[in-house]
Amino acid sequence: MSTVTPQATPGPGGPKPLSPDEEALVRSLNRVIYALPRAIDADLVREQGLPLVEYLTLMNLSEAPERRLRMSELATACEMSLSGMSRVVQKLERQGFVERVRCEEDARGWNAVLTDAGLTRLEEAWPANLAAVRRHFLDHLTGIDLKKLAAAMQNIAR
């Protein structure tokens, strides 16, 4: 990705070129978007045998009312396609961490429900996830106003 080219000069009313600091931020953000989840995933798999996508699935279910989410809502919460989420839930279901049950509102949809074993598995993996998040992300933000950074990131995500 090149956001600035040496010959680029904006015409009247065109976009303002990026400063060197802005360019560095944009380029590093692109790398972080891919590198951070991979690093956390590698730590979780090595230390817990639990991929990040499975951890996030268990986490989102643990935070839902009655530890239950419609499959489409769970997919959205995990930033996945419905078919990808179905594969993750099937694997977690075989391990006894999640159950799929028909939606009570309509018989067409399915809910994923976190089992007691799934909650226990999440609690076991939580320290490794926390350590990975600190090591690969938060420890690099010393001296930065985290409240402002979080607000900015939430605005970007919208």
Foldseek 3Di string as FASTA:
>chain_A
DDQDDPPDDDDVVGDDRDDPVRRVVVVVVVVCVPPLLVQLQVLLCVPPVDGPLLLQLLVVLVPDVQSKDWLCVSCVSSVHDSVVSVVSLVVCVVVVQWDWDADPVDRPTIMIHGDPVNVVSSVVSVVSSVVSCCVRPVVVQPPPDVVVVVVVVVVVVD
